[in-house]
Amino acid sequence: MMGNKKSFTGLVTSDKMDKTIVVAIESRRLHPLYKKYVTTTKKVKAHDENNDAHVGDTVRVVECRHYSKDTCWRLSEIVERAK
């Protein structure tokens, strides 16, 4: 019953919480009526066990069990560090 878990790449916008980061995930899709691309941003809280990620880093997050009320994503890897 265990399917593939969703994973997204996004930008860390906050690392002020202990063992938790806020990741902004951007997606672009075509508007059905106006035929223009619309960019939407969704912010998710992700569990970061070792407090590795910092603001500006590009990270990959993976779906997992709930660590708290809002945190149901886990930091998988840091794709690119902030300059």
PDB file of N, CA and C in Angstrom:
ATOM      1  N   MET A   1       0.820  -1.198   0.000  1.00  0.00           N
ATOM      2  CA  MET A   1       0.000   0.000   0.000  1.00  0.00           C
ATOM      3  C   MET A   1       0.859   1.255   0.000  1.00  0.00           C
ATOM      4  N   MET A   2       2.181   1.089   0.146  1.00  0.00           N
ATOM      5  CA  MET A   2       3.081   2.245   0.155  1.00  0.00           C
ATOM      6  C   MET A   2       3.378   2.667  -1.271  1.00  0.00           C
ATOM      7  N   GLY A   3       2.839   3.825  -1.693  1.00  0.00           N
ATOM      8  CA  GLY A   3       3.088   4.334  -3.036  1.00  0.00           C
ATOM      9  C   GLY A   3       4.316   5.211  -3.055  1.00  0.00           C
ATOM     10  N   ASN A   4       4.586   5.803  -4.201  1.00  0.00           N
ATOM     11  CA  ASN A   4       5.697   6.739  -4.300  1.00  0.00           C
ATOM     12  C   ASN A   4       5.340   8.023  -3.565  1.00  0.00           C
ATOM     13  N   LYS A   5       6.317   8.578  -2.860  1.00  0.00           N
ATOM     14  CA  LYS A   5       6.078   9.810  -2.119  1.00  0.00           C
ATOM     15  C   LYS A   5       6.333  11.012  -3.021  1.00  0.00           C
ATOM     16  N   LYS A   6       5.539  12.070  -2.822  1.00  0.00           N
ATOM     17  CA  LYS A   6       5.728  13.295  -3.589  1.00  0.00           C
ATOM     18  C   LYS A   6       7.016  13.971  -3.139  1.00  0.00           C
ATOM     19  N   SER A   7       7.707  14.592  -4.084  1.00  0.00           N
ATOM     20  CA  SER A   7       8.876  15.389  -3.719  1.00  0.00           C
ATOM     21  C   SER A   7       8.876  16.648  -4.567  1.00  0.00           C
ATOM     22  N   PHE A   8       9.273  17.754  -3.952  1.00  0.00           N
ATOM     23  CA  PHE A   8       9.312  19.040  -4.625  1.00  0.00           C
ATOM     24  C   PHE A   8      10.624  19.733  -4.327  1.00  0.00           C
ATOM     25  N   THR A   9      11.035  20.601  -5.235  1.00  0.00           N
ATOM     26  CA  THR A   9      12.218  21.427  -5.034  1.00  0.00           C
ATOM     27  C   THR A   9      11.758  22.855  -4.802  1.00  0.00           C
ATOM     28  N   GLY A  10      12.313  23.498  -3.777  1.00  0.00           N
ATOM     29  CA  GLY A  10      11.904  24.859  -3.467  1.00  0.00           C
ATOM     30  C   GLY A  10      13.002  25.637  -2.781  1.00  0.00           C
ATOM     31  N   LEU A  11      12.674  26.863  -2.419  1.00  0.00           N
ATOM     32  CA  LEU A  11      13.614  27.799  -1.821  1.00  0.00           C
ATOM     33  C   LEU A  11      13.277  27.983  -0.342  1.00  0.00           C
ATOM     34  N   VAL A  12      14.275  27.911   0.523  1.00  0.00           N
ATOM     35  CA  VAL A  12      14.055  28.100   1.958  1.00  0.00           C
ATOM     36  C   VAL A  12      13.821  29.586   2.222  1.00  0.00           C
ATOM     37  N   THR A  13      12.686  29.909   2.848  1.00  0.00           N
ATOM     38  CA  THR A  13      12.361  31.300   3.138  1.00  0.00           C
ATOM     39  C   THR A  13      12.515  31.630   4.620  1.00  0.00           C
ATOM     40  N   SER A  14      12.519  30.606   5.489  1.00  0.00           N
ATOM     41  CA  SER A  14      12.686  30.844   6.920  1.00  0.00           C
ATOM     42  C   SER A  14      13.312  29.616   7.572  1.00  0.00           C
ATOM     43  N   ASP A  15      14.246  29.889   8.514  1.00  0.00           N
ATOM     44  CA  ASP A  15      14.850  28.794   9.277  1.00  0.00           C
ATOM     45  C   ASP A  15      14.905  29.154  10.766  1.00  0.00           C
ATOM     46  N   LYS A  16      13.977  29.986  11.212  1.00  0.00           N
ATOM     47  CA  LYS A  16      14.005  30.494  12.575  1.00  0.00           C
ATOM     48  C   LYS A  16      13.519  29.480  13.604  1.00  0.00           C
ATOM     49  N   MET A  17      12.732  28.499  13.171  1.00  0.00           N
ATOM     50  CA  MET A  17      12.232  27.487  14.099  1.00  0.00           C
ATOM     51  C   MET A  17      13.286  26.402  14.309  1.00  0.00           C
ATOM     52  N   ASP A  18      13.191  25.706  15.425  1.00  0.00           N
ATOM     53  CA  ASP A  18      14.128  24.627  15.717  1.00  0.00           C
ATOM     54  C   ASP A  18      13.702  23.372  14.953  1.00  0.00           C
ATOM     55  N   LYS A  19      14.599  22.837  14.147  1.00  0.00           N
ATOM     56  CA  LYS A  19      14.390  21.618  13.353  1.00  0.00           C
ATOM     57  C   LYS A  19      13.267  21.740  12.327  1.00  0.00           C
ATOM     58  N   THR A  20      12.884  22.964  11.959  1.00  0.00           N
ATOM     59  CA  THR A  20      11.833  23.176  10.968  1.00  0.00           C
ATOM     60  C   THR A  20      12.240  24.312  10.040  1.00  0.00           C
ATOM     61  N   ILE A  21      11.989  24.129   8.740  1.00  0.00           N
ATOM     62  CA  ILE A  21      12.227  25.194   7.763  1.00  0.00           C
ATOM     63  C   ILE A  21      10.940  25.439   6.990  1.00  0.00           C
ATOM     64  N   VAL A  22      10.803  26.637   6.445  1.00  0.00           N
ATOM     65  CA  VAL A  22       9.675  26.966   5.577  1.00  0.00           C
ATOM     66  C   VAL A  22      10.215  27.014   4.153  1.00  0.00           C
ATOM     67  N   VAL A  23       9.592  26.231   3.268  1.00  0.00           N
ATOM     68  CA  VAL A  23      10.053  26.127   1.887  1.00  0.00           C
ATOM     69  C   VAL A  23       8.965  26.653   0.964  1.00  0.00           C
ATOM     70  N   ALA A  24       9.341  27.574   0.060  1.00  0.00           N
ATOM     71  CA  ALA A  24       8.407  28.113  -0.937  1.00  0.00           C
ATOM     72  C   ALA A  24       8.560  27.287  -2.217  1.00  0.00           C
ATOM     73  N   ILE A  25       7.462  26.651  -2.634  1.00  0.00           N
ATOM     74  CA  ILE A  25       7.461  25.819  -3.833  1.00  0.00           C
ATOM     75  C   ILE A  25       6.710  26.573  -4.923  1.00  0.00           C
ATOM     76  N   GLU A  26       7.401  26.883  -6.018  1.00  0.00           N
ATOM     77  CA  GLU A  26       6.776  27.604  -7.128  1.00  0.00           C
ATOM     78  C   GLU A  26       6.346  26.630  -8.207  1.00  0.00           C
ATOM     79  N   SER A  27       5.177  26.880  -8.779  1.00  0.00           N
ATOM     80  CA  SER A  27       4.729  26.075  -9.916  1.00  0.00           C
ATOM     81  C   SER A  27       4.105  26.995 -10.954  1.00  0.00           C
ATOM     82  N   ARG A  28       4.296  26.642 -12.207  1.00  0.00           N
ATOM     83  CA  ARG A  28       3.724  27.426 -13.308  1.00  0.00           C
ATOM     84  C   ARG A  28       2.733  26.559 -14.050  1.00  0.00           C
ATOM     85  N   ARG A  29       1.559  27.136 -14.352  1.00  0.00           N
ATOM     86  CA  ARG A  29       0.577  26.394 -15.135  1.00  0.00           C
ATOM     87  C   ARG A  29      -0.145  27.348 -16.069  1.00  0.00           C
ATOM     88  N   LEU A  30      -0.666  26.801 -17.127  1.00  0.00           N
ATOM     89  CA  LEU A  30      -1.353  27.587 -18.144  1.00  0.00           C
ATOM     90  C   LEU A  30      -2.773  27.893 -17.681  1.00  0.00           C
ATOM     91  N   HIS A  31      -3.163  29.166 -17.727  1.00  0.00           N
ATOM     92  CA  HIS A  31      -4.517  29.554 -17.351  1.00  0.00           C
ATOM     93  C   HIS A  31      -5.474  29.049 -18.429  1.00  0.00           C
ATOM     94  N   PRO A  32      -6.561  28.368 -18.032  1.00  0.00           N
ATOM     95  CA  PRO A  32      -7.439  27.740 -19.030  1.00  0.00           C
ATOM     96  C   PRO A  32      -8.141  28.712 -19.984  1.00  0.00           C
ATOM     97  N   LEU A  33      -8.469  29.911 -19.509  1.00  0.00           N
ATOM     98  CA  LEU A  33      -9.201  30.859 -20.349  1.00  0.00           C
ATOM     99  C   LEU A  33      -8.268  31.840 -21.052  1.00  0.00           C
ATOM    100  N   TYR A  34      -7.324  32.416 -20.322  1.00  0.00           N
ATOM    101  CA  TYR A  34      -6.494  33.480 -20.872  1.00  0.00           C
ATOM    102  C   TYR A  34      -5.210  32.998 -21.534  1.00  0.00           C
ATOM    103  N   LYS A  35      -4.911  31.695 -21.409  1.00  0.00           N
ATOM    104  CA  LYS A  35      -3.755  31.082 -22.082  1.00  0.00           C
ATOM    105  C   LYS A  35      -2.432  31.751 -21.733  1.00  0.00           C
ATOM    106  N   LYS A  36      -2.327  32.246 -20.517  1.00  0.00           N
ATOM    107  CA  LYS A  36      -1.059  32.801 -20.044  1.00  0.00           C
ATOM    108  C   LYS A  36      -0.585  31.940 -18.884  1.00  0.00           C
ATOM    109  N   TYR A  37       0.731  31.883 -18.703  1.00  0.00           N
ATOM    110  CA  TYR A  37       1.274  31.111 -17.600  1.00  0.00           C
ATOM    111  C   TYR A  37       1.155  31.888 -16.293  1.00  0.00           C
ATOM    112  N   VAL A  38       0.629  31.225 -15.284  1.00  0.00           N
ATOM    113  CA  VAL A  38       0.428  31.816 -13.969  1.00  0.00           C
ATOM    114  C   VAL A  38       1.370  31.118 -12.995  1.00  0.00           C
ATOM    115  N   THR A  39       2.138  31.904 -12.232  1.00  0.00           N
ATOM    116  CA  THR A  39       3.043  31.341 -11.238  1.00  0.00           C
ATOM    117  C   THR A  39       2.352  31.354  -9.881  1.00  0.00           C
ATOM    118  N   THR A  40       2.285  30.197  -9.241  1.00  0.00           N
ATOM    119  CA  THR A  40       1.707  30.106  -7.910  1.00  0.00           C
ATOM    120  C   THR A  40       2.788  29.645  -6.943  1.00  0.00           C
ATOM    121  N   THR A  41       2.744  30.156  -5.722  1.00  0.00           N
ATOM    122  CA  THR A  41       3.709  29.800  -4.697  1.00  0.00           C
ATOM    123  C   THR A  41       2.978  29.187  -3.520  1.00  0.00           C
ATOM    124  N   LYS A  42       3.462  28.032  -3.093  1.00  0.00           N
ATOM    125  CA  LYS A  42       2.893  27.363  -1.924  1.00  0.00           C
ATOM    126  C   LYS A  42       4.000  27.215  -0.888  1.00  0.00           C
ATOM    127  N   LYS A  43       3.733  27.608   0.339  1.00  0.00           N
ATOM    128  CA  LYS A  43       4.729  27.487   1.408  1.00  0.00           C
ATOM    129  C   LYS A  43       4.395  26.273   2.261  1.00  0.00           C
ATOM    130  N   VAL A  44       5.396  25.421   2.486  1.00  0.00           N
ATOM    131  CA  VAL A  44       5.215  24.245   3.328  1.00  0.00           C
ATOM    132  C   VAL A  44       6.284  24.249   4.414  1.00  0.00           C
ATOM    133  N   LYS A  45       5.952  23.650   5.552  1.00  0.00           N
ATOM    134  CA  LYS A  45       6.924  23.493   6.629  1.00  0.00           C
ATOM    135  C   LYS A  45       7.532  22.106   6.509  1.00  0.00           C
ATOM    136  N   ALA A  46       8.854  22.037   6.607  1.00  0.00           N
ATOM    137  CA  ALA A  46       9.555  20.769   6.457  1.00  0.00           C
ATOM    138  C   ALA A  46      10.435  20.512   7.670  1.00  0.00           C
ATOM    139  N   HIS A  47      10.552  19.238   8.041  1.00  0.00           N
ATOM    140  CA  HIS A  47      11.382  18.833   9.173  1.00  0.00           C
ATOM    141  C   HIS A  47      12.841  18.791   8.746  1.00  0.00           C
ATOM    142  N   ASP A  48      13.696  19.494   9.489  1.00  0.00           N
ATOM    143  CA  ASP A  48      15.136  19.552   9.219  1.00  0.00           C
ATOM    144  C   ASP A  48      15.851  19.133  10.501  1.00  0.00           C
ATOM    145  N   GLU A  49      16.143  17.839  10.618  1.00  0.00           N
ATOM    146  CA  GLU A  49      16.635  17.261  11.879  1.00  0.00           C
ATOM    147  C   GLU A  49      17.893  17.937  12.407  1.00  0.00           C
ATOM    148  N   ASN A  50      18.872  18.242  11.532  1.00  0.00           N
ATOM    149  CA  ASN A  50      20.152  18.774  11.993  1.00  0.00           C
ATOM    150  C   ASN A  50      20.297  20.280  11.809  1.00  0.00           C
ATOM    151  N   ASN A  51      19.216  20.972  11.463  1.00  0.00           N
ATOM    152  CA  ASN A  51      19.252  22.416  11.191  1.00  0.00           C
ATOM    153  C   ASN A  51      20.316  22.754  10.146  1.00  0.00           C
ATOM    154  N   ASP A  52      20.375  21.971   9.063  1.00  0.00           N
ATOM    155  CA  ASP A  52      21.380  22.150   8.013  1.00  0.00           C
ATOM    156  C   ASP A  52      21.042  23.285   7.056  1.00  0.00           C
ATOM    157  N   ALA A  53      19.771  23.407   6.671  1.00  0.00           N
ATOM    158  CA  ALA A  53      19.370  24.362   5.635  1.00  0.00           C
ATOM    159  C   ALA A  53      19.211  25.760   6.221  1.00  0.00           C
ATOM    160  N   HIS A  54      19.545  26.757   5.399  1.00  0.00           N
ATOM    161  CA  HIS A  54      19.421  28.155   5.805  1.00  0.00           C
ATOM    162  C   HIS A  54      18.692  28.932   4.719  1.00  0.00           C
ATOM    163  N   VAL A  55      18.318  30.172   5.026  1.00  0.00           N
ATOM    164  CA  VAL A  55      17.547  31.008   4.097  1.00  0.00           C
ATOM    165  C   VAL A  55      18.317  31.181   2.789  1.00  0.00           C
ATOM    166  N   GLY A  56      17.624  30.972   1.672  1.00  0.00           N
ATOM    167  CA  GLY A  56      18.231  31.135   0.358  1.00  0.00           C
ATOM    168  C   GLY A  56      18.681  29.832  -0.276  1.00  0.00           C
ATOM    169  N   ASP A  57      18.764  28.755   0.504  1.00  0.00           N
ATOM    170  CA  ASP A  57      19.169  27.462  -0.040  1.00  0.00           C
ATOM    171  C   ASP A  57      18.047  26.877  -0.895  1.00  0.00           C
ATOM    172  N   THR A  58      18.443  26.172  -1.955  1.00  0.00           N
ATOM    173  CA  THR A  58      17.488  25.404  -2.753  1.00  0.00           C
ATOM    174  C   THR A  58      17.505  23.985  -2.221  1.00  0.00           C
ATOM    175  N   VAL A  59      16.340  23.472  -1.824  1.00  0.00           N
ATOM    176  CA  VAL A  59      16.266  22.165  -1.182  1.00  0.00           C
ATOM    177  C   VAL A  59      15.203  21.288  -1.833  1.00  0.00           C
ATOM    178  N   ARG A  60      15.314  19.980  -1.606  1.00  0.00           N
ATOM    179  CA  ARG A  60      14.301  19.030  -2.042  1.00  0.00           C
ATOM    180  C   ARG A  60      13.603  18.504  -0.799  1.00  0.00           C
ATOM    181  N   VAL A  61      12.263  18.563  -0.788  1.00  0.00           N
ATOM    182  CA  VAL A  61      11.481  18.062   0.334  1.00  0.00           C
ATOM    183  C   VAL A  61      10.644  16.876  -0.123  1.00  0.00           C
ATOM    184  N   VAL A  62      10.434  15.927   0.808  1.00  0.00           N
ATOM    185  CA  VAL A  62       9.701  14.702   0.511  1.00  0.00           C
ATOM    186  C   VAL A  62       8.555  14.569   1.497  1.00  0.00           C
ATOM    187  N   GLU A  63       7.438  14.068   1.014  1.00  0.00           N
ATOM    188  CA  GLU A  63       6.261  13.825   1.824  1.00  0.00           C
ATOM    189  C   GLU A  63       6.566  12.772   2.898  1.00  0.00           C
ATOM    190  N   CYS A  64       6.046  12.968   4.104  1.00  0.00           N
ATOM    191  CA  CYS A  64       6.283  11.992   5.177  1.00  0.00           C
ATOM    192  C   CYS A  64       5.154  12.080   6.196  1.00  0.00           C
ATOM    193  N   ARG A  65       5.356  11.406   7.322  1.00  0.00           N
ATOM    194  CA  ARG A  65       4.355  11.442   8.391  1.00  0.00           C
ATOM    195  C   ARG A  65       4.336  12.838   9.028  1.00  0.00           C
ATOM    196  N   HIS A  66       3.292  13.136   9.788  1.00  0.00           N
ATOM    197  CA  HIS A  66       3.202  14.425  10.478  1.00  0.00           C
ATOM    198  C   HIS A  66       4.187  14.460  11.640  1.00  0.00           C
ATOM    199  N   TYR A  67       5.053  15.471  11.663  1.00  0.00           N
ATOM    200  CA  TYR A  67       5.924  15.709  12.800  1.00  0.00           C
ATOM    201  C   TYR A  67       5.253  16.644  13.793  1.00  0.00           C
ATOM    202  N   SER A  68       4.334  17.467  13.300  1.00  0.00           N
ATOM    203  CA  SER A  68       3.548  18.360  14.145  1.00  0.00           C
ATOM    204  C   SER A  68       2.251  18.659  13.382  1.00  0.00           C
ATOM    205  N   LYS A  69       1.498  19.637  13.846  1.00  0.00           N
ATOM    206  CA  LYS A  69       0.223  19.966  13.204  1.00  0.00           C
ATOM    207  C   LYS A  69       0.415  20.367  11.743  1.00  0.00           C
ATOM    208  N   ASP A  70       1.437  21.191  11.461  1.00  0.00           N
ATOM    209  CA  ASP A  70       1.638  21.720  10.113  1.00  0.00           C
ATOM    210  C   ASP A  70       2.744  21.020   9.341  1.00  0.00           C
ATOM    211  N   THR A  71       3.637  20.327  10.021  1.00  0.00           N
ATOM    212  CA  THR A  71       4.833  19.788   9.371  1.00  0.00           C
ATOM    213  C   THR A  71       4.604  18.356   8.910  1.00  0.00           C
ATOM    214  N   CYS A  72       4.425  18.176   7.596  1.00  0.00           N
ATOM    215  CA  CYS A  72       4.260  16.825   7.049  1.00  0.00           C
ATOM    216  C   CYS A  72       5.195  16.614   5.859  1.00  0.00           C
ATOM    217  N   TRP A  73       6.287  17.370   5.814  1.00  0.00           N
ATOM    218  CA  TRP A  73       7.325  17.220   4.802  1.00  0.00           C
ATOM    219  C   TRP A  73       8.654  17.052   5.514  1.00  0.00           C
ATOM    220  N   ARG A  74       9.630  16.451   4.833  1.00  0.00           N
ATOM    221  CA  ARG A  74      10.944  16.201   5.418  1.00  0.00           C
ATOM    222  C   ARG A  74      12.007  16.658   4.432  1.00  0.00           C
ATOM    223  N   LEU A  75      13.058  17.281   4.935  1.00  0.00           N
ATOM    224  CA  LEU A  75      14.171  17.710   4.092  1.00  0.00           C
ATOM    225  C   LEU A  75      14.894  16.475   3.568  1.00  0.00           C
ATOM    226  N   SER A  76      14.965  16.345   2.239  1.00  0.00           N
ATOM    227  CA  SER A  76      15.625  15.197   1.625  1.00  0.00           C
ATOM    228  C   SER A  76      17.084  15.504   1.340  1.00  0.00           C
ATOM    229  N   GLU A  77      17.307  16.638   0.672  1.00  0.00           N
ATOM    230  CA  GLU A  77      18.693  17.034   0.369  1.00  0.00           C
ATOM    231  C   GLU A  77      18.745  18.521   0.096  1.00  0.00           C
ATOM    232  N   ILE A  78      19.950  19.075   0.246  1.00  0.00           N
ATOM    233  CA  ILE A  78      20.178  20.471  -0.104  1.00  0.00           C
ATOM    234  C   ILE A  78      20.774  20.466  -1.504  1.00  0.00           C
ATOM    235  N   VAL A  79      20.017  20.979  -2.472  1.00  0.00           N
ATOM    236  CA  VAL A  79      20.448  20.960  -3.872  1.00  0.00           C
ATOM    237  C   VAL A  79      21.552  21.978  -4.114  1.00  0.00           C
ATOM    238  N   GLU A  80      21.330  23.202  -3.588  1.00  0.00           N
ATOM    239  CA  GLU A  80      22.309  24.273  -3.791  1.00  0.00           C
ATOM    240  C   GLU A  80      22.301  25.202  -2.586  1.00  0.00           C
ATOM    241  N   ARG A  81      23.489  25.540  -2.101  1.00  0.00           N
ATOM    242  CA  ARG A  81      23.619  26.466  -0.993  1.00  0.00           C
ATOM    243  C   ARG A  81      23.460  27.896  -1.474  1.00  0.00           C
ATOM    244  N   ALA A  82      23.005  28.790  -0.579  1.00  0.00           N
ATOM    245  CA  ALA A  82      22.891  30.205  -0.918  1.00  0.00           C
ATOM    246  C   ALA A  82      24.288  30.792  -1.078  1.00  0.00           C
ATOM    247  N   LYS A  83      24.410  31.760  -1.961  1.00  0.00           N
ATOM    248  CA  LYS A  83      25.717  32.395  -2.209  1.00  0.00           C
ATOM    249  C   LYS A  83      26.124  33.260  -1.039  1.00  0.00           C
TER     250      LYS A  83
END
